[in-house]
Amino acid sequence: MSPRVGIGYDSHRFAAGRRLVLGGVEIPHELGLEGHSDADVVAHAITDAVLGAAGLGDIGQHFPPSEARWRDADSIELLRTAVAMVPGWVANVDATVVCERPRLGEHRLEMERALGDAVGAPVSVKATTNEGMGWIGRGEGIACIAVALVELE
């Protein structure tokens, strides 16, 4: 067995007329996130972390936004597909969501359950603000950074 660590990052700007999906959970908010799929920054960051740990490239390689079939795709399903590519298993994932609003504390456990189901391992989700600094601080969007530990066979 060979333990490997991967880091993933994703960010999307807010957009009117879209629903906000984070960690596979629809979050009540006046704006959603712009993107080709459902723009779930948490699932995208975790997908990149898992793929990176397994040496399998990144989300854009496997699910390119240039392909119409990924339009409005459920990012939890993309994550499941990425996990199935790993020649081994995911041991655990840790993710930090960075945004000023909405507040995510009451949705954290539901996100952890949805993400944990998708990866088949414990997932920890935390949220923080950017203390009013930069594009996140101005409320222009949301970012997420994730770390995944995989055991390769």
N, C-alpha and C. Protein backbone atom coordinates (compact mmCIF):
# COMPACT_ATOMS: atom_id res chain seq x y z
N MET A 1 0.85 -1.18 0.00
CA MET A 1 0.00 0.00 0.00
C MET A 1 0.89 1.24 0.00
N SER A 2 0.43 2.22 -0.71
CA SER A 2 1.20 3.46 -0.81
C SER A 2 0.29 4.65 -0.52
N PRO A 3 0.48 5.31 0.63
CA PRO A 3 -0.35 6.49 0.92
C PRO A 3 0.13 7.69 0.10
N ARG A 4 -0.81 8.41 -0.47
CA ARG A 4 -0.50 9.61 -1.27
C ARG A 4 -1.46 10.72 -0.90
N VAL A 5 -0.96 11.95 -0.91
CA VAL A 5 -1.77 13.12 -0.57
C VAL A 5 -1.94 13.98 -1.81
N GLY A 6 -3.14 14.54 -1.98
CA GLY A 6 -3.40 15.46 -3.07
C GLY A 6 -4.09 16.71 -2.55
N ILE A 7 -3.83 17.83 -3.19
CA ILE A 7 -4.45 19.11 -2.83
C ILE A 7 -5.31 19.56 -4.00
N GLY A 8 -6.50 20.05 -3.69
CA GLY A 8 -7.37 20.59 -4.72
C GLY A 8 -7.84 21.98 -4.35
N TYR A 9 -8.05 22.79 -5.36
CA TYR A 9 -8.55 24.15 -5.17
C TYR A 9 -9.55 24.45 -6.27
N ASP A 10 -10.60 25.16 -5.92
CA ASP A 10 -11.54 25.64 -6.93
C ASP A 10 -12.16 26.94 -6.44
N SER A 11 -12.58 27.75 -7.39
CA SER A 11 -13.30 28.99 -7.06
C SER A 11 -14.27 29.30 -8.18
N HIS A 12 -15.39 29.90 -7.82
CA HIS A 12 -16.39 30.34 -8.80
C HIS A 12 -16.96 31.66 -8.33
N ARG A 13 -17.29 32.50 -9.29
CA ARG A 13 -17.94 33.78 -8.96
C ARG A 13 -19.43 33.55 -8.83
N PHE A 14 -20.07 34.44 -8.06
CA PHE A 14 -21.52 34.39 -7.92
C PHE A 14 -22.19 34.78 -9.24
N ALA A 15 -23.39 34.23 -9.46
CA ALA A 15 -24.17 34.54 -10.65
C ALA A 15 -25.65 34.49 -10.30
N ALA A 16 -26.40 35.42 -10.84
CA ALA A 16 -27.86 35.44 -10.63
C ALA A 16 -28.50 34.32 -11.44
N GLY A 17 -29.64 33.86 -10.97
CA GLY A 17 -30.41 32.87 -11.70
C GLY A 17 -29.88 31.45 -11.60
N ARG A 18 -28.98 31.20 -10.66
CA ARG A 18 -28.46 29.84 -10.45
C ARG A 18 -28.64 29.45 -9.00
N ARG A 19 -28.79 28.18 -8.77
CA ARG A 19 -28.88 27.71 -7.38
C ARG A 19 -27.48 27.54 -6.82
N LEU A 20 -27.36 27.65 -5.51
CA LEU A 20 -26.07 27.51 -4.84
C LEU A 20 -25.96 26.09 -4.29
N VAL A 21 -25.02 25.33 -4.84
CA VAL A 21 -24.78 23.96 -4.39
C VAL A 21 -23.36 23.90 -3.86
N LEU A 22 -23.23 23.47 -2.61
CA LEU A 22 -21.92 23.32 -1.97
C LEU A 22 -21.87 21.97 -1.27
N GLY A 23 -20.87 21.18 -1.60
CA GLY A 23 -20.74 19.87 -0.97
C GLY A 23 -21.93 18.97 -1.22
N GLY A 24 -22.58 19.15 -2.37
CA GLY A 24 -23.73 18.33 -2.72
C GLY A 24 -25.03 18.76 -2.08
N VAL A 25 -25.01 19.90 -1.40
CA VAL A 25 -26.20 20.39 -0.68
C VAL A 25 -26.63 21.72 -1.27
N GLU A 26 -27.92 21.85 -1.56
CA GLU A 26 -28.42 23.13 -2.04
C GLU A 26 -28.58 24.06 -0.85
N ILE A 27 -27.91 25.20 -0.92
CA ILE A 27 -27.88 26.18 0.17
C ILE A 27 -28.77 27.35 -0.20
N PRO A 28 -29.71 27.73 0.67
CA PRO A 28 -30.54 28.90 0.37
C PRO A 28 -29.68 30.17 0.29
N HIS A 29 -29.74 30.83 -0.85
CA HIS A 29 -28.97 32.07 -1.06
C HIS A 29 -29.53 32.76 -2.29
N GLU A 30 -29.42 34.07 -2.33
CA GLU A 30 -29.98 34.83 -3.47
C GLU A 30 -29.20 34.63 -4.76
N LEU A 31 -27.96 34.15 -4.67
CA LEU A 31 -27.13 33.93 -5.84
C LEU A 31 -26.58 32.51 -5.83
N GLY A 32 -26.36 31.98 -7.02
CA GLY A 32 -25.67 30.71 -7.17
C GLY A 32 -24.26 30.98 -7.65
N LEU A 33 -23.59 29.95 -8.14
CA LEU A 33 -22.24 30.09 -8.65
C LEU A 33 -22.22 29.83 -10.14
N GLU A 34 -21.45 30.64 -10.84
CA GLU A 34 -21.30 30.51 -12.28
C GLU A 34 -20.40 29.33 -12.60
N GLY A 35 -20.81 28.53 -13.58
CA GLY A 35 -19.97 27.41 -13.99
C GLY A 35 -20.66 26.55 -15.01
N HIS A 36 -19.90 25.69 -15.65
CA HIS A 36 -20.45 24.82 -16.68
C HIS A 36 -21.31 23.73 -16.05
N SER A 37 -20.84 23.16 -14.94
CA SER A 37 -21.61 22.15 -14.22
C SER A 37 -22.49 22.88 -13.20
N ASP A 38 -22.79 22.22 -12.09
CA ASP A 38 -23.54 22.91 -11.03
C ASP A 38 -22.65 23.86 -10.22
N ALA A 39 -21.36 23.92 -10.55
CA ALA A 39 -20.38 24.85 -9.96
C ALA A 39 -20.17 24.63 -8.46
N ASP A 40 -20.26 23.39 -8.02
CA ASP A 40 -20.05 23.05 -6.61
C ASP A 40 -18.55 23.10 -6.31
N VAL A 41 -18.08 24.24 -5.78
CA VAL A 41 -16.65 24.43 -5.54
C VAL A 41 -16.08 23.42 -4.55
N VAL A 42 -16.89 22.96 -3.62
CA VAL A 42 -16.41 22.00 -2.62
C VAL A 42 -16.16 20.64 -3.29
N ALA A 43 -17.14 20.15 -4.03
CA ALA A 43 -16.97 18.88 -4.73
C ALA A 43 -15.85 18.97 -5.75
N HIS A 44 -15.72 20.11 -6.43
CA HIS A 44 -14.65 20.26 -7.43
C HIS A 44 -13.27 20.23 -6.78
N ALA A 45 -13.09 20.93 -5.67
CA ALA A 45 -11.79 20.93 -4.99
C ALA A 45 -11.44 19.53 -4.50
N ILE A 46 -12.43 18.82 -3.96
CA ILE A 46 -12.18 17.46 -3.48
C ILE A 46 -11.87 16.53 -4.65
N THR A 47 -12.57 16.69 -5.76
CA THR A 47 -12.29 15.87 -6.95
C THR A 47 -10.85 16.07 -7.39
N ASP A 48 -10.39 17.31 -7.45
CA ASP A 48 -9.00 17.57 -7.83
C ASP A 48 -8.02 16.99 -6.81
N ALA A 49 -8.34 17.07 -5.53
CA ALA A 49 -7.46 16.51 -4.50
C ALA A 49 -7.34 14.99 -4.66
N VAL A 50 -8.46 14.32 -4.90
CA VAL A 50 -8.46 12.87 -5.07
C VAL A 50 -7.69 12.48 -6.33
N LEU A 51 -8.01 13.14 -7.44
CA LEU A 51 -7.31 12.83 -8.69
C LEU A 51 -5.81 13.10 -8.57
N GLY A 52 -5.45 14.21 -7.94
CA GLY A 52 -4.04 14.54 -7.76
C GLY A 52 -3.31 13.52 -6.92
N ALA A 53 -3.93 13.09 -5.83
CA ALA A 53 -3.29 12.11 -4.96
C ALA A 53 -3.04 10.80 -5.70
N ALA A 54 -3.93 10.46 -6.61
CA ALA A 54 -3.79 9.21 -7.36
C ALA A 54 -2.94 9.38 -8.62
N GLY A 55 -2.47 10.60 -8.89
CA GLY A 55 -1.66 10.85 -10.07
C GLY A 55 -2.47 10.78 -11.36
N LEU A 56 -3.74 11.16 -11.27
CA LEU A 56 -4.66 11.02 -12.41
C LEU A 56 -5.05 12.35 -13.04
N GLY A 57 -4.24 13.37 -12.86
CA GLY A 57 -4.54 14.65 -13.50
C GLY A 57 -5.51 15.48 -12.69
N ASP A 58 -6.42 16.18 -13.41
CA ASP A 58 -7.34 17.08 -12.72
C ASP A 58 -8.74 16.99 -13.31
N ILE A 59 -9.65 17.68 -12.68
CA ILE A 59 -11.06 17.63 -13.06
C ILE A 59 -11.29 18.08 -14.50
N GLY A 60 -10.55 19.08 -14.95
CA GLY A 60 -10.71 19.57 -16.30
C GLY A 60 -10.32 18.57 -17.37
N GLN A 61 -9.38 17.68 -17.06
CA GLN A 61 -8.98 16.62 -17.98
C GLN A 61 -10.09 15.61 -18.18
N HIS A 62 -10.74 15.25 -17.08
CA HIS A 62 -11.73 14.18 -17.12
C HIS A 62 -13.14 14.66 -17.43
N PHE A 63 -13.45 15.89 -17.06
CA PHE A 63 -14.79 16.45 -17.25
C PHE A 63 -14.68 17.85 -17.84
N PRO A 64 -14.14 17.99 -19.05
CA PRO A 64 -13.86 19.32 -19.59
C PRO A 64 -15.12 20.15 -19.84
N PRO A 65 -15.07 21.44 -19.50
CA PRO A 65 -16.22 22.31 -19.73
C PRO A 65 -16.51 22.53 -21.21
N SER A 66 -15.61 22.12 -22.07
CA SER A 66 -15.84 22.23 -23.51
C SER A 66 -16.81 21.15 -24.02
N GLU A 67 -17.10 20.17 -23.17
CA GLU A 67 -18.00 19.09 -23.58
C GLU A 67 -19.41 19.36 -23.04
N ALA A 68 -20.36 19.39 -23.96
CA ALA A 68 -21.76 19.69 -23.62
C ALA A 68 -22.33 18.70 -22.60
N ARG A 69 -21.86 17.47 -22.61
CA ARG A 69 -22.44 16.47 -21.69
C ARG A 69 -22.22 16.80 -20.22
N TRP A 70 -21.28 17.69 -19.93
CA TRP A 70 -21.03 18.07 -18.53
C TRP A 70 -21.80 19.33 -18.13
N ARG A 71 -22.56 19.93 -19.05
CA ARG A 71 -23.35 21.13 -18.74
C ARG A 71 -24.34 20.77 -17.62
N ASP A 72 -24.32 21.58 -16.55
CA ASP A 72 -25.20 21.41 -15.39
C ASP A 72 -25.04 20.06 -14.70
N ALA A 73 -23.88 19.41 -14.88
CA ALA A 73 -23.63 18.10 -14.26
C ALA A 73 -23.68 18.21 -12.74
N ASP A 74 -24.10 17.14 -12.12
CA ASP A 74 -24.11 17.02 -10.66
C ASP A 74 -22.67 16.72 -10.24
N SER A 75 -22.05 17.65 -9.55
CA SER A 75 -20.63 17.51 -9.18
C SER A 75 -20.38 16.38 -8.21
N ILE A 76 -21.37 15.98 -7.44
CA ILE A 76 -21.22 14.82 -6.57
C ILE A 76 -21.03 13.56 -7.42
N GLU A 77 -21.74 13.49 -8.54
CA GLU A 77 -21.58 12.35 -9.44
C GLU A 77 -20.21 12.37 -10.11
N LEU A 78 -19.72 13.57 -10.44
CA LEU A 78 -18.37 13.68 -10.99
C LEU A 78 -17.35 13.20 -9.96
N LEU A 79 -17.56 13.56 -8.71
CA LEU A 79 -16.67 13.12 -7.64
C LEU A 79 -16.70 11.60 -7.50
N ARG A 80 -17.89 11.02 -7.52
CA ARG A 80 -18.01 9.55 -7.45
C ARG A 80 -17.22 8.88 -8.58
N THR A 81 -17.35 9.45 -9.78
CA THR A 81 -16.65 8.90 -10.94
C THR A 81 -15.14 9.00 -10.75
N ALA A 82 -14.66 10.13 -10.23
CA ALA A 82 -13.23 10.29 -9.99
C ALA A 82 -12.73 9.29 -8.95
N VAL A 83 -13.49 9.10 -7.88
CA VAL A 83 -13.10 8.14 -6.84
C VAL A 83 -13.01 6.73 -7.41
N ALA A 84 -13.92 6.38 -8.32
CA ALA A 84 -13.91 5.05 -8.93
C ALA A 84 -12.66 4.83 -9.80
N MET A 85 -12.02 5.90 -10.25
CA MET A 85 -10.80 5.79 -11.06
C MET A 85 -9.57 5.46 -10.22
N VAL A 86 -9.63 5.69 -8.93
CA VAL A 86 -8.46 5.53 -8.05
C VAL A 86 -8.14 4.04 -7.88
N PRO A 87 -6.89 3.65 -8.17
CA PRO A 87 -6.49 2.26 -7.98
C PRO A 87 -6.16 2.00 -6.50
N GLY A 88 -7.16 2.03 -5.69
CA GLY A 88 -7.06 1.91 -4.24
C GLY A 88 -8.29 2.53 -3.63
N TRP A 89 -8.13 3.29 -2.57
CA TRP A 89 -9.27 3.91 -1.93
C TRP A 89 -8.90 5.23 -1.29
N VAL A 90 -9.91 6.03 -1.03
CA VAL A 90 -9.72 7.30 -0.32
C VAL A 90 -9.77 7.01 1.17
N ALA A 91 -8.77 7.49 1.91
CA ALA A 91 -8.73 7.29 3.35
C ALA A 91 -9.50 8.38 4.09
N ASN A 92 -9.29 9.64 3.69
CA ASN A 92 -10.04 10.75 4.27
C ASN A 92 -9.82 12.01 3.45
N VAL A 93 -10.70 13.00 3.68
CA VAL A 93 -10.66 14.28 2.98
C VAL A 93 -10.91 15.39 4.00
N ASP A 94 -10.21 16.50 3.82
CA ASP A 94 -10.45 17.70 4.63
C ASP A 94 -10.61 18.87 3.67
N ALA A 95 -11.66 19.66 3.86
CA ALA A 95 -11.92 20.78 2.95
C ALA A 95 -12.24 22.04 3.75
N THR A 96 -11.78 23.18 3.24
CA THR A 96 -12.10 24.47 3.84
C THR A 96 -12.74 25.36 2.77
N VAL A 97 -13.96 25.81 3.04
CA VAL A 97 -14.70 26.70 2.16
C VAL A 97 -14.42 28.12 2.62
N VAL A 98 -14.12 29.02 1.67
CA VAL A 98 -13.82 30.41 1.99
C VAL A 98 -14.87 31.30 1.33
N CYS A 99 -15.67 31.97 2.16
CA CYS A 99 -16.69 32.90 1.66
C CYS A 99 -17.14 33.82 2.78
N GLU A 100 -17.66 34.96 2.41
CA GLU A 100 -18.20 35.89 3.40
C GLU A 100 -19.65 35.51 3.73
N ARG A 101 -20.40 35.19 2.70
CA ARG A 101 -21.79 34.75 2.83
C ARG A 101 -22.05 33.71 1.77
N PRO A 102 -22.95 32.81 2.00
CA PRO A 102 -23.76 32.62 3.20
C PRO A 102 -22.96 31.94 4.31
N ARG A 103 -23.49 31.98 5.48
CA ARG A 103 -22.90 31.26 6.60
C ARG A 103 -23.21 29.78 6.41
N LEU A 104 -22.23 28.92 6.62
CA LEU A 104 -22.40 27.51 6.27
C LEU A 104 -22.49 26.56 7.45
N GLY A 105 -22.33 27.07 8.66
CA GLY A 105 -22.30 26.21 9.84
C GLY A 105 -23.46 25.23 9.94
N GLU A 106 -24.65 25.68 9.68
CA GLU A 106 -25.82 24.79 9.83
C GLU A 106 -25.92 23.75 8.72
N HIS A 107 -25.12 23.86 7.67
CA HIS A 107 -25.15 22.92 6.54
C HIS A 107 -23.95 21.98 6.54
N ARG A 108 -23.03 22.21 7.45
CA ARG A 108 -21.77 21.47 7.44
C ARG A 108 -21.96 19.95 7.56
N LEU A 109 -22.76 19.49 8.49
CA LEU A 109 -22.93 18.04 8.67
C LEU A 109 -23.59 17.39 7.46
N GLU A 110 -24.55 18.08 6.85
CA GLU A 110 -25.19 17.55 5.65
C GLU A 110 -24.19 17.46 4.50
N MET A 111 -23.33 18.46 4.37
CA MET A 111 -22.30 18.42 3.34
C MET A 111 -21.33 17.26 3.61
N GLU A 112 -20.92 17.09 4.85
CA GLU A 112 -20.00 16.00 5.18
C GLU A 112 -20.61 14.65 4.85
N ARG A 113 -21.91 14.49 5.11
CA ARG A 113 -22.58 13.22 4.80
C ARG A 113 -22.62 12.98 3.29
N ALA A 114 -23.02 13.99 2.52
CA ALA A 114 -23.12 13.84 1.06
C ALA A 114 -21.75 13.56 0.45
N LEU A 115 -20.75 14.29 0.88
CA LEU A 115 -19.40 14.10 0.35
C LEU A 115 -18.81 12.76 0.80
N GLY A 116 -19.03 12.41 2.06
CA GLY A 116 -18.54 11.13 2.58
C GLY A 116 -19.15 9.95 1.84
N ASP A 117 -20.43 10.05 1.51
CA ASP A 117 -21.09 9.02 0.70
C ASP A 117 -20.40 8.89 -0.66
N ALA A 118 -20.08 10.02 -1.26
CA ALA A 118 -19.48 10.02 -2.60
C ALA A 118 -18.07 9.45 -2.60
N VAL A 119 -17.28 9.72 -1.56
CA VAL A 119 -15.89 9.26 -1.55
C VAL A 119 -15.71 7.95 -0.78
N GLY A 120 -16.70 7.55 0.00
CA GLY A 120 -16.61 6.32 0.76
C GLY A 120 -15.62 6.41 1.91
N ALA A 121 -15.47 7.62 2.45
CA ALA A 121 -14.51 7.85 3.54
C ALA A 121 -14.94 9.08 4.33
N PRO A 122 -14.37 9.27 5.51
CA PRO A 122 -14.69 10.47 6.28
C PRO A 122 -14.27 11.75 5.55
N VAL A 123 -15.17 12.74 5.59
CA VAL A 123 -14.90 14.05 5.01
C VAL A 123 -15.18 15.10 6.06
N SER A 124 -14.22 15.98 6.27
CA SER A 124 -14.38 17.10 7.19
C SER A 124 -14.53 18.37 6.37
N VAL A 125 -15.56 19.16 6.68
CA VAL A 125 -15.79 20.43 6.00
C VAL A 125 -15.75 21.55 7.03
N LYS A 126 -14.95 22.56 6.74
CA LYS A 126 -14.88 23.74 7.59
C LYS A 126 -15.18 24.95 6.73
N ALA A 127 -15.54 26.05 7.34
CA ALA A 127 -15.79 27.28 6.59
C ALA A 127 -15.13 28.44 7.32
N THR A 128 -14.65 29.39 6.52
CA THR A 128 -14.04 30.59 7.08
C THR A 128 -14.34 31.76 6.14
N THR A 129 -14.09 32.94 6.62
CA THR A 129 -14.25 34.12 5.77
C THR A 129 -12.87 34.55 5.30
N ASN A 130 -12.84 35.55 4.44
CA ASN A 130 -11.58 36.12 3.99
C ASN A 130 -11.35 37.48 4.65
N GLU A 131 -12.06 37.70 5.77
CA GLU A 131 -11.92 38.92 6.57
C GLU A 131 -12.10 40.19 5.75
N GLY A 132 -13.01 40.12 4.75
CA GLY A 132 -13.32 41.30 3.95
C GLY A 132 -12.27 41.65 2.90
N MET A 133 -11.25 40.82 2.75
CA MET A 133 -10.16 41.13 1.81
C MET A 133 -10.39 40.48 0.45
N GLY A 134 -9.98 41.17 -0.62
CA GLY A 134 -9.98 40.61 -1.96
C GLY A 134 -11.36 40.32 -2.52
N TRP A 135 -11.38 39.55 -3.63
CA TRP A 135 -12.64 39.27 -4.32
C TRP A 135 -13.60 38.47 -3.46
N ILE A 136 -13.07 37.56 -2.64
CA ILE A 136 -13.95 36.81 -1.73
C ILE A 136 -14.50 37.75 -0.67
N GLY A 137 -13.65 38.59 -0.12
CA GLY A 137 -14.06 39.55 0.89
C GLY A 137 -15.11 40.52 0.41
N ARG A 138 -15.07 40.84 -0.88
CA ARG A 138 -16.08 41.73 -1.47
C ARG A 138 -17.37 40.99 -1.81
N GLY A 139 -17.41 39.68 -1.54
CA GLY A 139 -18.62 38.89 -1.79
C GLY A 139 -18.85 38.56 -3.24
N GLU A 140 -17.76 38.45 -4.01
CA GLU A 140 -17.89 38.17 -5.44
C GLU A 140 -17.96 36.68 -5.76
N GLY A 141 -17.63 35.82 -4.80
CA GLY A 141 -17.67 34.39 -5.06
C GLY A 141 -17.22 33.58 -3.88
N ILE A 142 -16.97 32.30 -4.15
CA ILE A 142 -16.61 31.33 -3.11
C ILE A 142 -15.42 30.52 -3.62
N ALA A 143 -14.53 30.15 -2.71
CA ALA A 143 -13.40 29.28 -3.02
C ALA A 143 -13.38 28.12 -2.03
N CYS A 144 -12.68 27.08 -2.41
CA CYS A 144 -12.50 25.93 -1.50
C CYS A 144 -11.14 25.32 -1.77
N ILE A 145 -10.49 24.90 -0.70
CA ILE A 145 -9.25 24.14 -0.80
C ILE A 145 -9.48 22.82 -0.07
N ALA A 146 -8.97 21.74 -0.66
CA ALA A 146 -9.19 20.42 -0.08
C ALA A 146 -7.91 19.59 -0.13
N VAL A 147 -7.80 18.67 0.82
CA VAL A 147 -6.71 17.72 0.88
C VAL A 147 -7.32 16.32 0.97
N ALA A 148 -6.79 15.40 0.18
CA ALA A 148 -7.26 14.02 0.22
C ALA A 148 -6.08 13.09 0.46
N LEU A 149 -6.29 12.10 1.29
CA LEU A 149 -5.31 11.03 1.48
C LEU A 149 -5.88 9.78 0.82
N VAL A 150 -5.13 9.22 -0.11
CA VAL A 150 -5.56 7.98 -0.74
C VAL A 150 -4.52 6.89 -0.47
N GLU A 151 -4.97 5.66 -0.46
CA GLU A 151 -4.11 4.50 -0.34
C GLU A 151 -4.14 3.82 -1.70
N LEU A 152 -3.00 3.80 -2.38
CA LEU A 152 -2.91 3.16 -3.69
C LEU A 152 -2.47 1.70 -3.53
N GLU A 153 -3.06 0.84 -4.33
CA GLU A 153 -2.71 -0.59 -4.26
C GLU A 153 -1.44 -0.86 -5.01
